[in-house]
């Protein structure tokens, strides 16, 4: 379901569960991996990536359909994952190897930087086309990480962005060929791994204070 490896100063967390939707088992595995990463010693940075054509398609709608009574608790857990990445005491890079849709797109936005595959895959926030609204926490995360114009377009139109379009819109910072996405992401992470993780987390925490408060607050307004 997931694989965590460390190569010198960089932890690489690979999602390997098909569309990498946020089912309870998937969330538990990622949370456990982040526990390990946080306990790591010395300079370190984190890269996350998917497998095949998916980075992540976000919420596990099938599981939610069968567990509607747990909807709020489930979203609180997803919010917690975003908040944890946004406050992680080390640099973080998303290696977006394929589709990053909905909650998966927000997961990428919770990282410091993102490298996206140039020839296949889209970044998309399709909630408007699914008849869903964004929780206050999700909306705050998106608006904190994207320009006002890009957030407006992405959230209200459900546009599918190619890698180059996502880079031009400021959604990702770099694009690369399929076999270059992970090396580019790990190289970027390694270049930042020597920075004081406590300071990195504190700076990020101050920058995104409002988004973190929304993610850690009530799920619904």
Protein backbone atom coordinates (compact mmCIF):
# COMPACT_ATOMS: atom_id res chain seq x y z
CA UNK A 1 0.00 0.00 0.00
CA UNK A 2 2.89 2.34 0.79
CA UNK A 3 6.65 2.07 0.77
CA UNK A 4 9.02 4.24 2.77
CA UNK A 5 12.72 4.35 1.96
CA UNK A 6 15.52 6.64 3.03
CA UNK A 7 18.39 7.51 0.71
CA UNK A 8 20.89 9.61 2.65
CA UNK A 9 18.97 12.73 3.73
CA UNK A 10 15.77 12.12 1.76
CA UNK A 11 12.82 9.96 2.77
CA UNK A 12 10.77 8.80 -0.22
CA UNK A 13 7.20 7.82 0.61
CA UNK A 14 5.63 5.97 -2.31
CA UNK A 15 1.87 5.42 -2.49
CA UNK A 16 1.08 2.09 -4.13
CA UNK A 17 -2.64 1.45 -3.81
CA UNK A 18 -4.09 1.89 -7.27
CA UNK A 19 -5.70 5.33 -7.37
CA UNK A 20 -4.24 6.00 -3.91
CA UNK A 21 -7.57 7.08 -2.49
CA UNK A 22 -7.71 8.00 1.15
CA UNK A 23 -9.30 4.91 2.63
CA UNK A 24 -8.84 4.35 6.37
CA UNK A 25 -6.09 1.77 5.85
CA UNK A 26 -4.26 4.05 3.44
CA UNK A 27 -4.48 6.97 5.87
CA UNK A 28 -3.22 4.78 8.68
CA UNK A 29 -0.25 3.62 6.62
CA UNK A 30 0.68 7.18 5.65
CA UNK A 31 0.30 8.41 9.22
CA UNK A 32 2.60 5.62 10.41
CA UNK A 33 5.17 6.48 7.77
CA UNK A 34 5.12 10.12 8.81
CA UNK A 35 5.71 9.01 12.40
CA UNK A 36 8.86 7.27 11.22
CA UNK A 37 9.98 10.26 9.17
CA UNK A 38 9.51 12.66 12.09
CA UNK A 39 11.57 10.39 14.36
CA UNK A 40 14.44 10.30 11.86
CA UNK A 41 17.74 11.77 12.91
CA UNK A 42 20.02 14.22 11.16
CA UNK A 43 19.28 16.37 8.11
CA UNK A 44 16.19 15.16 6.32
CA UNK A 45 13.51 16.00 3.80
CA UNK A 46 10.44 14.18 2.51
CA UNK A 47 9.33 13.31 -1.01
CA UNK A 48 5.97 11.69 -1.72
CA UNK A 49 5.02 10.05 -4.99
CA UNK A 50 2.54 7.60 -6.45
CA UNK A 51 2.79 4.61 -8.77
CA UNK A 52 1.78 4.31 -12.40
CA UNK A 53 -0.65 6.91 -13.66
CA UNK A 54 -1.94 8.10 -10.29
CA UNK A 55 -0.45 10.34 -7.65
CA UNK A 56 -3.75 10.33 -5.76
CA UNK A 57 -7.43 10.67 -6.56
CA UNK A 58 -8.24 11.79 -3.03
CA UNK A 59 -11.24 10.84 -0.95
CA UNK A 60 -12.39 7.23 -1.00
CA UNK A 61 -15.95 7.89 -2.18
CA UNK A 62 -16.85 4.20 -2.25
CA UNK A 63 -15.90 3.80 1.41
CA UNK A 64 -17.75 6.99 2.29
CA UNK A 65 -20.89 5.73 0.55
CA UNK A 66 -20.86 2.70 2.82
CA UNK A 67 -19.95 4.66 5.97
CA UNK A 68 -21.93 7.89 5.80
CA UNK A 69 -22.27 7.98 9.58
CA UNK A 70 -18.49 8.42 9.83
CA UNK A 71 -18.25 11.23 7.27
CA UNK A 72 -17.25 14.00 9.66
CA UNK A 73 -14.68 11.91 11.52
CA UNK A 74 -13.22 10.80 8.20
CA UNK A 75 -12.86 14.36 6.91
CA UNK A 76 -11.28 15.40 10.19
CA UNK A 77 -8.66 12.72 9.63
CA UNK A 78 -8.01 13.92 6.06
CA UNK A 79 -7.72 17.49 7.34
CA UNK A 80 -5.24 16.20 9.89
CA UNK A 81 -3.06 14.72 7.16
CA UNK A 82 -2.97 18.02 5.28
CA UNK A 83 -2.18 19.93 8.46
CA UNK A 84 0.55 17.51 9.39
CA UNK A 85 2.29 17.87 6.03
CA UNK A 86 1.86 21.64 6.11
CA UNK A 87 3.55 21.78 9.52
CA UNK A 88 6.09 18.95 9.11
CA UNK A 89 9.48 19.99 10.51
CA UNK A 90 11.42 19.41 7.30
CA UNK A 91 11.23 20.42 3.62
CA UNK A 92 8.69 18.49 1.55
CA UNK A 93 8.33 17.87 -2.18
CA UNK A 94 5.51 16.14 -4.06
CA UNK A 95 6.65 14.09 -7.06
CA UNK A 96 3.38 14.15 -8.99
CA UNK A 97 3.80 11.15 -11.26
CA UNK A 98 0.25 11.18 -12.60
CA UNK A 99 -3.28 12.34 -11.85
CA UNK A 100 -3.69 14.50 -8.75
CA UNK A 101 -7.43 14.98 -8.40
CA UNK A 102 -9.56 16.54 -5.67
CA UNK A 103 -8.15 15.53 -2.29
CA UNK A 104 -5.04 14.22 -4.05
CA UNK A 105 -4.46 17.64 -5.57
CA UNK A 106 -4.82 19.19 -2.14
CA UNK A 107 -2.31 16.68 -0.80
CA UNK A 108 0.22 17.94 -3.35
CA UNK A 109 -0.54 21.53 -2.34
CA UNK A 110 0.28 20.70 1.28
CA UNK A 111 3.93 20.20 0.24
CA UNK A 112 6.48 22.97 -0.09
CA UNK A 113 7.10 22.26 -3.77
CA UNK A 114 5.87 19.94 -6.50
CA UNK A 115 7.38 18.38 -9.62
CA UNK A 116 4.80 17.11 -12.14
CA UNK A 117 5.06 14.63 -14.99
CA UNK A 118 4.92 16.55 -18.26
CA UNK A 119 3.43 14.00 -20.66
CA UNK A 120 0.54 12.46 -18.74
CA UNK A 121 -1.73 13.27 -15.84
CA UNK A 122 -3.75 16.25 -14.68
CA UNK A 123 -4.11 18.40 -11.60
CA UNK A 124 -7.81 18.97 -11.00
CA UNK A 125 -10.18 20.08 -8.25
CA UNK A 126 -13.44 18.65 -9.68
CA UNK A 127 -15.68 19.19 -6.67
CA UNK A 128 -17.91 21.66 -8.53
CA UNK A 129 -18.68 18.99 -11.13
CA UNK A 130 -19.28 16.37 -8.45
CA UNK A 131 -21.85 18.54 -6.70
CA UNK A 132 -19.59 18.93 -3.69
CA UNK A 133 -18.40 22.02 -1.87
CA UNK A 134 -15.06 22.48 -0.15
CA UNK A 135 -14.81 22.30 3.61
CA UNK A 136 -13.51 25.48 5.25
CA UNK A 137 -10.20 23.73 5.90
CA UNK A 138 -9.80 22.54 2.33
CA UNK A 139 -10.75 25.94 0.94
CA UNK A 140 -8.27 27.63 3.25
CA UNK A 141 -5.48 25.27 2.19
CA UNK A 142 -6.11 25.83 -1.52
CA UNK A 143 -6.36 29.60 -1.17
CA UNK A 144 -3.24 29.76 0.99
CA UNK A 145 -1.14 27.85 -1.53
CA UNK A 146 -2.44 29.30 -4.82
CA UNK A 147 -2.85 32.79 -6.15
CA UNK A 148 -6.35 34.23 -5.86
CA UNK A 149 -6.90 33.98 -9.62
CA UNK A 150 -5.72 30.38 -9.84
CA UNK A 151 -7.71 29.27 -6.80
CA UNK A 152 -10.81 30.96 -8.22
CA UNK A 153 -10.46 29.19 -11.55
CA UNK A 154 -9.50 25.80 -10.15
CA UNK A 155 -12.25 25.71 -7.53
CA UNK A 156 -15.10 27.17 -9.60
CA UNK A 157 -14.46 25.55 -12.99
CA UNK A 158 -12.94 22.18 -12.12
CA UNK A 159 -10.36 22.77 -14.85
CA UNK A 160 -7.93 19.99 -15.63
CA UNK A 161 -4.41 21.39 -15.73
CA UNK A 162 -1.63 19.71 -17.65
CA UNK A 163 1.80 19.87 -16.07
CA UNK A 164 2.87 22.91 -18.08
CA UNK A 165 -0.43 24.68 -17.40
CA UNK A 166 -0.09 23.86 -13.70
CA UNK A 167 3.42 25.28 -13.66
CA UNK A 168 2.31 28.45 -15.43
CA UNK A 169 -0.51 28.82 -12.89
CA UNK A 170 1.85 28.34 -9.95
CA UNK A 171 0.27 25.05 -8.87
CA UNK A 172 3.54 23.15 -9.33
CA UNK A 173 7.03 24.56 -9.59
CA UNK A 174 8.73 22.12 -11.98
CA UNK A 175 7.83 19.67 -14.76
CA UNK A 176 9.82 16.66 -15.94
CA UNK A 177 9.59 13.61 -18.17
CA UNK A 178 8.15 10.48 -16.57
CA UNK A 179 11.52 9.03 -15.60
CA UNK A 180 12.76 12.39 -14.35
CA UNK A 181 9.97 13.32 -11.94
CA UNK A 182 11.26 11.44 -8.90
CA UNK A 183 14.95 12.28 -9.47
CA UNK A 184 14.06 15.96 -9.84
CA UNK A 185 11.96 15.87 -6.67
CA UNK A 186 14.58 14.03 -4.63
CA UNK A 187 17.30 16.36 -5.90
CA UNK A 188 15.27 19.38 -4.85
CA UNK A 189 14.53 17.80 -1.48
CA UNK A 190 18.19 16.92 -0.93
CA UNK A 191 19.22 20.50 -1.65
CA UNK A 192 17.03 21.68 1.23
CA UNK A 193 17.51 18.80 3.69
CA UNK A 194 20.27 20.58 5.59
CA UNK A 195 17.99 23.39 6.68
CA UNK A 196 16.94 23.34 10.33
CA UNK A 197 13.68 21.38 10.30
CA UNK A 198 12.35 23.05 13.43
CA UNK A 199 12.84 26.45 11.85
CA UNK A 200 11.30 25.29 8.57
CA UNK A 201 8.22 24.06 10.41
CA UNK A 202 7.97 27.25 12.44
CA UNK A 203 8.25 29.51 9.38
CA UNK A 204 5.65 27.48 7.52
CA UNK A 205 3.41 27.43 10.56
CA UNK A 206 3.43 31.22 10.70
CA UNK A 207 2.96 31.60 6.94
CA UNK A 208 -0.05 29.28 6.91
CA UNK A 209 -1.43 29.94 10.37
CA UNK A 210 -4.97 30.63 9.09
CA UNK A 211 -5.04 27.50 6.92
CA UNK A 212 -3.75 25.35 9.78
CA UNK A 213 -6.32 26.76 12.16
CA UNK A 214 -9.07 25.99 9.63
CA UNK A 215 -7.79 22.45 9.07
CA UNK A 216 -7.57 21.82 12.81
CA UNK A 217 -10.91 23.47 13.58
CA UNK A 218 -14.49 22.31 12.97
CA UNK A 219 -14.89 20.31 9.77
CA UNK A 220 -18.01 22.23 8.76
CA UNK A 221 -18.77 25.88 9.39
